[in-house]
C-alpha atoms as a PDB file:
ATOM      1  CA  MET A   1      -3.330 -13.668  -5.859  1.00  0.00           C
ATOM      2  CA  ARG A   2      -2.453 -14.322  -2.307  1.00  0.00           C
ATOM      3  CA  VAL A   3       0.148 -11.319  -2.422  1.00  0.00           C
ATOM      4  CA  TRP A   4      -2.697  -9.029  -3.924  1.00  0.00           C
ATOM      5  CA  LEU A   5      -5.069 -10.007  -1.105  1.00  0.00           C
ATOM      6  CA  SER A   6      -2.234  -9.634   1.549  1.00  0.00           C
ATOM      7  CA  GLN A   7      -1.705  -6.155   0.491  1.00  0.00           C
ATOM      8  CA  ARG A   8      -5.247  -4.850   0.494  1.00  0.00           C
ATOM      9  CA  VAL A   9      -5.888  -6.439   3.930  1.00  0.00           C
ATOM     10  CA  ARG A  10      -3.185  -4.864   5.194  1.00  0.00           C
ATOM     11  CA  THR A  11      -4.101  -1.681   3.538  1.00  0.00           C
ATOM     12  CA  LEU A  12      -7.610  -1.926   5.033  1.00  0.00           C
ATOM     13  CA  ALA A  13      -6.388  -2.675   8.806  1.00  0.00           C
ATOM     14  CA  ALA A  14      -4.052   0.287   8.554  1.00  0.00           C
ATOM     15  CA  THR A  15      -6.960   2.428   7.360  1.00  0.00           C
ATOM     16  CA  LEU A  16      -9.307   1.034  10.389  1.00  0.00           C
ATOM     17  CA  ALA A  17      -6.328   1.752  12.855  1.00  0.00           C
ATOM     18  CA  ARG A  18      -6.059   5.352  11.265  1.00  0.00           C
ATOM     19  CA  LEU A  19      -9.771   5.920  12.095  1.00  0.00           C
ATOM     20  CA  VAL A  20      -9.611   4.549  15.629  1.00  0.00           C
ATOM     21  CA  ARG A  21      -6.470   6.756  16.289  1.00  0.00           C
ATOM     22  CA  SER A  22      -8.676   9.891  16.051  1.00  0.00           C
ATOM     23  CA  PRO A  23     -11.918   8.843  17.438  1.00  0.00           C
ATOM     24  CA  VAL A  24     -13.323  12.417  18.057  1.00  0.00           C
ATOM     25  CA  ALA A  25     -12.601  13.802  14.579  1.00  0.00           C
ATOM     26  CA  SER A  26     -14.005  10.478  12.969  1.00  0.00           C
ATOM     27  CA  LEU A  27     -17.107  10.396  15.034  1.00  0.00           C
ATOM     28  CA  LEU A  28     -18.073  13.903  13.861  1.00  0.00           C
ATOM     29  CA  ASN A  29     -17.140  13.383  10.341  1.00  0.00           C
ATOM     30  CA  ILE A  30     -19.295  10.055  10.612  1.00  0.00           C
ATOM     31  CA  GLY A  31     -22.046  12.189  12.247  1.00  0.00           C
ATOM     32  CA  VAL A  32     -22.117  15.095   9.808  1.00  0.00           C
ATOM     33  CA  ILE A  33     -22.166  12.601   6.982  1.00  0.00           C
ATOM     34  CA  GLY A  34     -25.166  10.681   8.820  1.00  0.00           C
ATOM     35  CA  VAL A  35     -27.295  13.670   9.145  1.00  0.00           C
ATOM     36  CA  ALA A  36     -26.714  14.771   5.753  1.00  0.00           C
ATOM     37  CA  LEU A  37     -28.000  11.381   4.459  1.00  0.00           C
ATOM     38  CA  ALA A  38     -30.484  10.940   6.791  1.00  0.00           C
ATOM     39  CA  LEU A  39     -32.543  14.107   5.530  1.00  0.00           C
ATOM     40  CA  PRO A  40     -33.403  12.753   1.978  1.00  0.00           C
ATOM     41  CA  VAL A  41     -33.447   9.125   3.235  1.00  0.00           C
ATOM     42  CA  GLY A  42     -35.774  10.245   5.859  1.00  0.00           C
ATOM     43  CA  PHE A  43     -38.288  12.276   3.367  1.00  0.00           C
ATOM     44  CA  TYR A  44     -38.098   9.183   1.096  1.00  0.00           C
ATOM     45  CA  VAL A  45     -39.419   6.932   3.803  1.00  0.00           C
ATOM     46  CA  GLY A  46     -42.085   9.513   4.704  1.00  0.00           C
ATOM     47  CA  LEU A  47     -43.308   9.919   1.068  1.00  0.00           C
ATOM     48  CA  THR A  48     -43.173   5.952   0.473  1.00  0.00           C
ATOM     49  CA  ASN A  49     -45.390   5.455   3.598  1.00  0.00           C
ATOM     50  CA  LEU A  50     -47.575   8.646   2.807  1.00  0.00           C
ATOM     51  CA  GLN A  51     -47.988   7.223  -0.675  1.00  0.00           C
ATOM     52  CA  GLY A  52     -49.460   3.906   0.759  1.00  0.00           C
ATOM     53  CA  PHE A  53     -51.636   5.738   3.088  1.00  0.00           C
ATOM     54  CA  ALA A  54     -53.249   8.044   0.816  1.00  0.00           C
ATOM     55  CA  ARG A  55     -54.121   5.382  -1.615  1.00  0.00           C
ATOM     56  CA  GLY A  56     -55.449   3.384   1.174  1.00  0.00           C
ATOM     57  CA  LEU A  57     -57.659   6.089   2.516  1.00  0.00           C
ATOM     58  CA  ALA A  58     -58.966   7.184  -0.926  1.00  0.00           C
ATOM     59  CA  ALA A  59     -61.775   5.434  -2.443  1.00  0.00           C
ATOM     60  CA  ASP A  60     -61.437   3.658  -5.610  1.00  0.00           C
ATOM     61  CA  PRO A  61     -62.326   6.199  -8.721  1.00  0.00           C
ATOM     62  CA  GLN A  62     -65.701   4.775 -10.048  1.00  0.00           C
ATOM     63  CA  LEU A  63     -67.185   5.209 -13.493  1.00  0.00           C
ATOM     64  CA  SER A  64     -71.008   5.950 -13.403  1.00  0.00           C
ATOM     65  CA  LEU A  65     -72.541   4.635 -16.831  1.00  0.00           C
ATOM     66  CA  PHE A  66     -76.042   6.058 -17.481  1.00  0.00           C
ATOM     67  CA  LEU A  67     -78.187   4.506 -20.093  1.00  0.00           C
ATOM     68  CA  ALA A  68     -80.711   6.410 -22.383  1.00  0.00           C
ATOM     69  CA  LEU A  69     -84.179   6.952 -21.000  1.00  0.00           C
ATOM     70  CA  ASP A  70     -85.591   4.764 -23.426  1.00  0.00           C
ATOM     71  CA  ALA A  71     -83.266   1.883 -22.915  1.00  0.00           C
ATOM     72  CA  GLY A  72     -85.034  -1.280 -22.298  1.00  0.00           C
ATOM     73  CA  ARG A  73     -84.208  -4.874 -20.353  1.00  0.00           C
ATOM     74  CA  SER A  74     -82.446  -6.224 -23.395  1.00  0.00           C
ATOM     75  CA  ASP A  75     -80.419  -3.066 -23.638  1.00  0.00           C
ATOM     76  CA  VAL A  76     -79.464  -3.605 -19.910  1.00  0.00           C
ATOM     77  CA  ALA A  77     -78.613  -7.240 -20.413  1.00  0.00           C
ATOM     78  CA  GLN A  78     -76.442  -6.488 -23.387  1.00  0.00           C
ATOM     79  CA  ILE A  79     -74.413  -3.838 -21.498  1.00  0.00           C
ATOM     80  CA  GLU A  80     -74.203  -6.167 -18.312  1.00  0.00           C
ATOM     81  CA  THR A  81     -72.656  -8.933 -20.762  1.00  0.00           C
ATOM     82  CA  ARG A  82     -70.195  -6.524 -22.225  1.00  0.00           C
ATOM     83  CA  LEU A  83     -69.134  -5.062 -18.654  1.00  0.00           C
ATOM     84  CA  LYS A  84     -68.564  -8.927 -17.630  1.00  0.00           C
ATOM     85  CA  GLN A  85     -66.394  -9.694 -20.811  1.00  0.00           C
ATOM     86  CA  HIS A  86     -64.054  -6.406 -20.539  1.00  0.00           C
ATOM     87  CA  PRO A  87     -60.741  -6.949 -19.201  1.00  0.00           C
ATOM     88  CA  GLY A  88     -60.608  -3.613 -17.821  1.00  0.00           C
ATOM     89  CA  VAL A  89     -63.206  -3.752 -15.587  1.00  0.00           C
ATOM     90  CA  ARG A  90     -62.629  -5.312 -12.134  1.00  0.00           C
ATOM     91  CA  LYS A  91     -66.357  -5.301 -10.683  1.00  0.00           C
ATOM     92  CA  PHE A  92     -69.412  -3.453 -11.442  1.00  0.00           C
ATOM     93  CA  SER A  93     -73.081  -2.990 -10.015  1.00  0.00           C
ATOM     94  CA  TYR A  94     -76.338  -2.155 -11.628  1.00  0.00           C
ATOM     95  CA  ILE A  95     -78.780   0.690 -10.220  1.00  0.00           C
ATOM     96  CA  SER A  96     -82.045   0.496 -11.909  1.00  0.00           C
ATOM     97  CA  ARG A  97     -83.989   3.605 -12.209  1.00  0.00           C
ATOM     98  CA  GLU A  98     -86.502   2.573  -9.647  1.00  0.00           C
ATOM     99  CA  GLN A  99     -83.921   1.954  -7.142  1.00  0.00           C
ATOM    100  CA  ALA A 100     -82.149   5.172  -7.783  1.00  0.00           C
ATOM    101  CA  LEU A 101     -85.642   7.028  -7.398  1.00  0.00           C
ATOM    102  CA  ARG A 102     -86.140   5.191  -4.197  1.00  0.00           C
ATOM    103  CA  GLU A 103     -82.556   5.983  -2.760  1.00  0.00           C
ATOM    104  CA  MET A 104     -83.125   9.668  -3.857  1.00  0.00           C
ATOM    105  CA  LYS A 105     -86.397   9.862  -2.030  1.00  0.00           C
ATOM    106  CA  ALA A 106     -84.949   8.411   1.188  1.00  0.00           C
ATOM    107  CA  SER A 107     -81.394  10.437   1.160  1.00  0.00           C
ATOM    108  CA  THR A 108     -82.504  13.788   0.008  1.00  0.00           C
ATOM    109  CA  GLY A 109     -85.262  14.616   2.066  1.00  0.00           C
ATOM    110  CA  LEU A 110     -87.528  15.648  -1.068  1.00  0.00           C
ATOM    111  CA  ALA A 111     -89.842  12.953  -0.551  1.00  0.00           C
ATOM    112  CA  ASP A 112     -92.867  15.191  -1.417  1.00  0.00           C
ATOM    113  CA  VAL A 113     -91.004  16.521  -4.563  1.00  0.00           C
ATOM    114  CA  VAL A 114     -90.354  12.974  -5.782  1.00  0.00           C
ATOM    115  CA  ASP A 115     -93.981  11.854  -4.966  1.00  0.00           C
ATOM    116  CA  SER A 116     -95.206  14.559  -7.184  1.00  0.00           C
ATOM    117  CA  LEU A 117     -93.242  13.795 -10.036  1.00  0.00           C
ATOM    118  CA  THR A 118     -95.591  12.121 -13.031  1.00  0.00           C
ATOM    119  CA  HIS A 119     -92.542   9.737 -14.242  1.00  0.00           C
ATOM    120  CA  ASN A 120     -89.227   8.602 -13.278  1.00  0.00           C
ATOM    121  CA  PRO A 121     -86.640  11.025 -14.787  1.00  0.00           C
ATOM    122  CA  LEU A 122     -83.579   9.112 -13.859  1.00  0.00           C
ATOM    123  CA  PRO A 123     -82.090   6.595 -16.151  1.00  0.00           C
ATOM    124  CA  ASP A 124     -80.517   2.998 -15.310  1.00  0.00           C
ATOM    125  CA  ALA A 125     -77.182   2.926 -14.293  1.00  0.00           C
ATOM    126  CA  PHE A 126     -74.179   0.945 -13.603  1.00  0.00           C
ATOM    127  CA  VAL A 127     -71.285   1.716 -11.145  1.00  0.00           C
ATOM    128  CA  VAL A 128     -68.079   0.374 -12.389  1.00  0.00           C
ATOM    129  CA  ASP A 129     -64.723  -0.150 -10.836  1.00  0.00           C
ATOM    130  CA  ALA A 130     -61.824  -0.376 -13.146  1.00  0.00           C
ATOM    131  CA  GLY A 131     -58.861  -2.890 -12.765  1.00  0.00           C
ATOM    132  CA  ASP A 132     -56.357  -0.073 -13.113  1.00  0.00           C
ATOM    133  CA  ASN A 133     -56.633   3.162 -11.250  1.00  0.00           C
ATOM    134  CA  ALA A 134     -54.243   5.068 -13.332  1.00  0.00           C
ATOM    135  CA  PRO A 135     -55.666   8.104 -14.462  1.00  0.00           C
ATOM    136  CA  GLN A 136     -54.917   7.829 -18.356  1.00  0.00           C
ATOM    137  CA  THR A 137     -56.369   4.126 -18.010  1.00  0.00           C
ATOM    138  CA  LEU A 138     -59.664   5.325 -16.570  1.00  0.00           C
ATOM    139  CA  GLU A 139     -60.103   8.316 -18.901  1.00  0.00           C
ATOM    140  CA  ALA A 140     -59.540   5.755 -21.799  1.00  0.00           C
ATOM    141  CA  LEU A 141     -62.136   3.409 -20.457  1.00  0.00           C
ATOM    142  CA  ARG A 142     -64.719   6.191 -20.102  1.00  0.00           C
ATOM    143  CA  ASP A 143     -64.038   7.071 -23.698  1.00  0.00           C
ATOM    144  CA  GLU A 144     -64.704   3.652 -24.585  1.00  0.00           C
ATOM    145  CA  LEU A 145     -67.766   3.303 -22.609  1.00  0.00           C
ATOM    146  CA  LYS A 146     -69.248   6.470 -24.053  1.00  0.00           C
ATOM    147  CA  ARG A 147     -69.299   4.792 -27.543  1.00  0.00           C
ATOM    148  CA  TRP A 148     -71.282   2.050 -26.554  1.00  0.00           C
ATOM    149  CA  PRO A 149     -74.830   1.745 -27.779  1.00  0.00           C
ATOM    150  CA  ARG A 150     -77.603   2.937 -25.451  1.00  0.00           C
ATOM    151  CA  VAL A 151     -75.145   4.834 -23.276  1.00  0.00           C
ATOM    152  CA  ALA A 152     -76.127   8.451 -22.611  1.00  0.00           C
ATOM    153  CA  HIS A 153     -73.398   9.534 -20.391  1.00  0.00           C
ATOM    154  CA  VAL A 154     -70.187   8.379 -18.477  1.00  0.00           C
ATOM    155  CA  GLN A 155     -69.210  10.214 -15.699  1.00  0.00           C
ATOM    156  CA  LEU A 156     -65.500   9.952 -14.024  1.00  0.00           C
ATOM    157  CA  ASP A 157     -64.092  11.910 -11.181  1.00  0.00           C
ATOM    158  CA  SER A 158     -60.467  11.428 -11.765  1.00  0.00           C
ATOM    159  CA  ALA A 159     -59.305  14.756 -10.195  1.00  0.00           C
ATOM    160  CA  TRP A 160     -58.154  13.322  -6.796  1.00  0.00           C
ATOM    161  CA  ALA A 161     -56.165  10.916  -8.413  1.00  0.00           C
ATOM    162  CA  ARG A 162     -54.310  13.279 -10.634  1.00  0.00           C
ATOM    163  CA  ARG A 163     -54.061  15.535  -7.516  1.00  0.00           C
ATOM    164  CA  LEU A 164     -52.488  12.610  -5.779  1.00  0.00           C
ATOM    165  CA  GLU A 165     -50.163  11.749  -8.396  1.00  0.00           C
ATOM    166  CA  ALA A 166     -49.052  15.325  -9.075  1.00  0.00           C
ATOM    167  CA  VAL A 167     -48.297  15.484  -5.363  1.00  0.00           C
ATOM    168  CA  LEU A 168     -46.289  12.209  -5.325  1.00  0.00           C
ATOM    169  CA  ASN A 169     -44.467  13.355  -8.449  1.00  0.00           C
ATOM    170  CA  PHE A 170     -43.375  16.692  -6.604  1.00  0.00           C
ATOM    171  CA  GLY A 171     -42.434  14.985  -3.608  1.00  0.00           C
ATOM    172  CA  ARG A 172     -40.159  12.327  -5.458  1.00  0.00           C
ATOM    173  CA  LEU A 173     -38.543  15.438  -7.460  1.00  0.00           C
ATOM    174  CA  ALA A 174     -37.882  17.209  -4.132  1.00  0.00           C
ATOM    175  CA  VAL A 175     -36.324  14.358  -2.455  1.00  0.00           C
ATOM    176  CA  LEU A 176     -34.124  13.822  -5.428  1.00  0.00           C
ATOM    177  CA  LEU A 177     -33.082  17.287  -5.693  1.00  0.00           C
ATOM    178  CA  LEU A 178     -32.263  17.246  -1.786  1.00  0.00           C
ATOM    179  CA  GLY A 179     -30.664  13.845  -2.398  1.00  0.00           C
ATOM    180  CA  ALA A 180     -28.293  15.313  -5.084  1.00  0.00           C
ATOM    181  CA  LEU A 181     -27.411  18.356  -3.072  1.00  0.00           C
ATOM    182  CA  LEU A 182     -26.436  16.618  -0.044  1.00  0.00           C
ATOM    183  CA  ALA A 183     -24.741  13.931  -1.893  1.00  0.00           C
ATOM    184  CA  PHE A 184     -22.553  16.769  -3.157  1.00  0.00           C
ATOM    185  CA  ALA A 185     -22.175  17.947   0.456  1.00  0.00           C
ATOM    186  CA  LEU A 186     -20.937  14.397   1.700  1.00  0.00           C
ATOM    187  CA  ILE A 187     -18.450  14.452  -1.384  1.00  0.00           C
ATOM    188  CA  ALA A 188     -17.116  18.068  -0.359  1.00  0.00           C
ATOM    189  CA  ILE A 189     -16.712  16.539   3.219  1.00  0.00           C
ATOM    190  CA  THR A 190     -14.941  13.465   2.020  1.00  0.00           C
ATOM    191  CA  PHE A 191     -12.675  15.565  -0.143  1.00  0.00           C
ATOM    192  CA  ASN A 192     -11.758  17.935   2.573  1.00  0.00           C
ATOM    193  CA  THR A 193     -10.969  15.291   5.268  1.00  0.00           C
ATOM    194  CA  ILE A 194      -8.928  13.468   2.804  1.00  0.00           C
ATOM    195  CA  ARG A 195      -7.101  16.638   1.990  1.00  0.00           C
ATOM    196  CA  LEU A 196      -6.039  16.857   5.414  1.00  0.00           C
ATOM    197  CA  GLN A 197      -5.015  13.668   5.576  1.00  0.00           C
ATOM    198  CA  ILE A 198      -2.628  14.175   2.538  1.00  0.00           C
ATOM    199  CA  MET A 199      -1.482  17.272   3.977  1.00  0.00           C
ATOM    200  CA  THR A 200      -0.075  15.705   7.166  1.00  0.00           C
ATOM    201  CA  GLN A 201       1.433  12.709   5.055  1.00  0.00           C
ATOM    202  CA  ARG A 202       2.701  15.184   2.167  1.00  0.00           C
ATOM    203  CA  GLU A 203       6.508  14.527   2.704  1.00  0.00           C
ATOM    204  CA  GLU A 204       6.075  10.866   3.042  1.00  0.00           C
ATOM    205  CA  ILE A 205       3.906  10.744  -0.231  1.00  0.00           C
ATOM    206  CA  GLU A 206       6.697  12.791  -2.154  1.00  0.00           C
ATOM    207  CA  VAL A 207       9.376  10.477  -0.723  1.00  0.00           C
ATOM    208  CA  ALA A 208       7.439   7.258  -1.765  1.00  0.00           C
ATOM    209  CA  LYS A 209       6.944   9.024  -5.437  1.00  0.00           C
ATOM    210  CA  LEU A 210      10.641   9.400  -5.634  1.00  0.00           C
ATOM    211  CA  ILE A 211      11.678   5.605  -4.803  1.00  0.00           C
ATOM    212  CA  GLY A 212       9.129   4.496  -7.232  1.00  0.00           C
ATOM    213  CA  ALA A 213       5.721   4.038  -5.547  1.00  0.00           C
ATOM    214  CA  THR A 214       2.934   3.956  -7.954  1.00  0.00           C
ATOM    215  CA  ASP A 215      -0.146   6.225  -7.946  1.00  0.00           C
ATOM    216  CA  PRO A 216      -2.300   3.353  -7.372  1.00  0.00           C
ATOM    217  CA  PHE A 217      -0.246   2.287  -4.308  1.00  0.00           C
ATOM    218  CA  ILE A 218      -0.561   6.022  -2.805  1.00  0.00           C
ATOM    219  CA  ARG A 219      -4.042   6.106  -3.748  1.00  0.00           C
ATOM    220  CA  ARG A 220      -5.192   3.174  -2.364  1.00  0.00           C
ATOM    221  CA  PRO A 221      -5.207   3.832   1.531  1.00  0.00           C
ATOM    222  CA  PHE A 222      -7.078   7.322   0.997  1.00  0.00           C
ATOM    223  CA  LEU A 223      -9.757   5.377  -1.057  1.00  0.00           C
ATOM    224  CA  TYR A 224     -10.285   2.959   1.669  1.00  0.00           C
ATOM    225  CA  TYR A 225     -10.621   5.654   3.989  1.00  0.00           C
ATOM    226  CA  GLY A 226     -13.066   7.651   2.165  1.00  0.00           C
ATOM    227  CA  ALA A 227     -15.111   4.536   1.315  1.00  0.00           C
ATOM    228  CA  MET A 228     -15.223   3.409   4.958  1.00  0.00           C
ATOM    229  CA  LEU A 229     -16.087   6.983   6.184  1.00  0.00           C
ATOM    230  CA  GLY A 230     -18.882   7.127   3.782  1.00  0.00           C
ATOM    231  CA  LEU A 231     -19.967   3.555   4.707  1.00  0.00           C
ATOM    232  CA  ALA A 232     -20.242   4.419   8.317  1.00  0.00           C
ATOM    233  CA  GLY A 233     -22.025   7.661   7.518  1.00  0.00           C
ATOM    234  CA  GLY A 234     -24.620   5.710   5.588  1.00  0.00           C
ATOM    235  CA  LEU A 235     -24.934   3.390   8.816  1.00  0.00           C
ATOM    236  CA  ALA A 236     -25.433   6.378  10.985  1.00  0.00           C
ATOM    237  CA  ALA A 237     -28.118   7.704   8.398  1.00  0.00           C
ATOM    238  CA  TRP A 238     -29.887   4.267   8.557  1.00  0.00           C
ATOM    239  CA  MET A 239     -29.849   4.480  12.594  1.00  0.00           C
ATOM    240  CA  ILE A 240     -31.159   7.803  12.531  1.00  0.00           C
ATOM    241  CA  VAL A 241     -33.903   7.300  10.208  1.00  0.00           C
ATOM    242  CA  ALA A 242     -34.912   3.758  12.023  1.00  0.00           C
ATOM    243  CA  ALA A 243     -34.672   5.430  15.331  1.00  0.00           C
ATOM    244  CA  GLY A 244     -37.323   8.325  14.120  1.00  0.00           C
ATOM    245  CA  VAL A 245     -39.525   5.677  12.518  1.00  0.00           C
ATOM    246  CA  TYR A 246     -39.657   3.670  15.837  1.00  0.00           C
ATOM    247  CA  LEU A 247     -40.486   7.091  18.080  1.00  0.00           C
ATOM    248  CA  LEU A 248     -42.791   8.177  15.366  1.00  0.00           C
ATOM    249  CA  ASN A 249     -44.638   4.931  15.338  1.00  0.00           C
ATOM    250  CA  ASP A 250     -45.239   5.277  19.197  1.00  0.00           C
ATOM    251  CA  ALA A 251     -46.641   8.684  18.660  1.00  0.00           C
ATOM    252  CA  LEU A 252     -48.960   7.564  15.683  1.00  0.00           C
ATOM    253  CA  THR A 253     -50.498   4.954  17.844  1.00  0.00           C
ATOM    254  CA  ASP A 254     -53.148   7.395  19.598  1.00  0.00           C
ATOM    255  CA  VAL A 255     -53.757   8.757  16.334  1.00  0.00           C
ATOM    256  CA  SER A 256     -54.481   5.740  14.599  1.00  0.00           C
ATOM    257  CA  ARG A 257     -56.669   4.822  17.481  1.00  0.00           C
ATOM    258  CA  LEU A 258     -58.676   8.163  17.248  1.00  0.00           C
ATOM    259  CA  TYR A 259     -59.275   7.498  13.395  1.00  0.00           C
ATOM    260  CA  GLY A 260     -60.202   3.863  13.785  1.00  0.00           C
ATOM    261  CA  ASN A 261     -57.462   3.176  10.955  1.00  0.00           C
ATOM    262  CA  PRO A 262     -54.403   1.380  12.025  1.00  0.00           C
ATOM    263  CA  PHE A 263     -51.488   3.222  10.435  1.00  0.00           C
ATOM    264  CA  GLN A 264     -47.863   2.457  11.127  1.00  0.00           C
ATOM    265  CA  LEU A 265     -44.589   3.942   9.579  1.00  0.00           C
ATOM    266  CA  HIS A 266     -42.418   1.070   7.535  1.00  0.00           C
ATOM    267  CA  PRO A 267     -38.667   1.538   7.684  1.00  0.00           C
ATOM    268  CA  LEU A 268     -36.314   1.182   4.956  1.00  0.00           C
ATOM    269  CA  SER A 269     -36.660  -2.080   3.181  1.00  0.00           C
ATOM    270  CA  PRO A 270     -33.652  -4.534   3.022  1.00  0.00           C
ATOM    271  CA  GLU A 271     -32.910  -3.440  -0.732  1.00  0.00           C
ATOM    272  CA  ASP A 272     -33.234   0.199   0.130  1.00  0.00           C
ATOM    273  CA  SER A 273     -30.877  -0.114   3.177  1.00  0.00           C
ATOM    274  CA  LEU A 274     -27.983  -1.938   1.067  1.00  0.00           C
ATOM    275  CA  SER A 275     -28.454   0.614  -1.561  1.00  0.00           C
ATOM    276  CA  LEU A 276     -28.242   3.533   1.367  1.00  0.00           C
ATOM    277  CA  LEU A 277     -24.883   1.590   2.170  1.00  0.00           C
ATOM    278  CA  LEU A 278     -23.442   0.857  -1.087  1.00  0.00           C
ATOM    279  CA  PHE A 279     -24.211   4.520  -2.292  1.00  0.00           C
ATOM    280  CA  SER A 280     -22.681   6.150   0.731  1.00  0.00           C
ATOM    281  CA  GLY A 281     -19.772   4.068   0.499  1.00  0.00           C
ATOM    282  CA  TRP A 282     -19.275   5.068  -3.190  1.00  0.00           C
ATOM    283  CA  LEU A 283     -19.708   8.733  -2.422  1.00  0.00           C
ATOM    284  CA  GLY A 284     -16.896   8.667   0.332  1.00  0.00           C
ATOM    285  CA  TRP A 285     -14.680   6.459  -1.966  1.00  0.00           C
ATOM    286  CA  PHE A 286     -15.546   9.254  -5.234  1.00  0.00           C
ATOM    287  CA  GLY A 287     -14.793  12.038  -2.823  1.00  0.00           C
ATOM    288  CA  ALA A 288     -11.386  10.787  -1.742  1.00  0.00           C
ATOM    289  CA  TRP A 289     -10.572   9.701  -5.297  1.00  0.00           C
ATOM    290  CA  LEU A 290     -10.748  13.389  -6.397  1.00  0.00           C
ATOM    291  CA  SER A 291      -8.758  14.722  -3.260  1.00  0.00           C
ATOM    292  CA  VAL A 292      -6.120  12.175  -3.962  1.00  0.00           C
ATOM    293  CA  ASN A 293      -5.795  12.858  -7.605  1.00  0.00           C
ATOM    294  CA  GLN A 294      -5.635  16.469  -7.147  1.00  0.00           C
ATOM    295  CA  HIS A 295      -2.811  16.213  -4.964  1.00  0.00           C
ATOM    296  CA  LEU A 296      -0.934  13.511  -7.155  1.00  0.00           C
ATOM    297  CA  SER A 297      -1.395  15.881 -10.202  1.00  0.00           C
ATOM    298  CA  ARG A 298       0.223  18.425  -8.552  1.00  0.00           C
ATOM    299  CA  ILE A 299       3.171  16.657  -7.555  1.00  0.00           C
ATOM    300  CA  ASP A 300       3.493  15.335 -11.200  1.00  0.00           C
ATOM    301  CA  ARG A 301       3.864  18.782 -12.415  1.00  0.00           C
ATOM    302  CA  ARG A 302       6.574  19.734  -9.975  1.00  0.00           C
END
């Protein structure tokens, strides 16, 4: 175990020394990888913040439950009891037909028309807030309330919720596609970088093969190099996104003050940050693995 560990520590130290010996090339490669990863990560951060901001601004969808015109006080009491006991109802409020008529008279400027009415044409109503604002849940609750006795009509405007979900789903798909494309680019960058490293050490690798070096022994330093390159690129992407969030938050201060609604972009969570570093390190390792395996297979075919 000690020999196994010492071999890998020596390989890791040699890989770090190789990165340090060519600082300009290493920094350029890390910068390119960092920018490539920062694009999808930045879009992901923006989408996450937009999702929280949009849902905070949008009013919760409500169901308007209108009773039949001939519904009596007992019917109102019965429906109120059922709403209190319903697990899908978070809260509700009752609007009597008299209150609705008074509010219509005060808000529409049609006082003369309302006064000329011989009877009140408005029904008693309940305004219901659901516990779950998912469009499917709201529509299922609407259909259930429609079947209650003495309920004439249930109105639900869930179009905004469906539009919001559609926009967010589109954004998630766009981030996924962009991330996949740029992940391929990162693999290609690492592949070509490792290929150049192999070309400069081609004779050394061939001699090592002749004296009995195994493929894992030859492959190990290049895999470490690719993983460290990817890990450093992931760290660079994290720093770019964090700096962008910091700068944008300064600019958003004035906007938030104008709208009276404090809004601040949140950076990557610790879990997302760790996922970014692990994923970038794996992409670098995978690109190096492809490059080394291709070269070793060519040597074996000779």
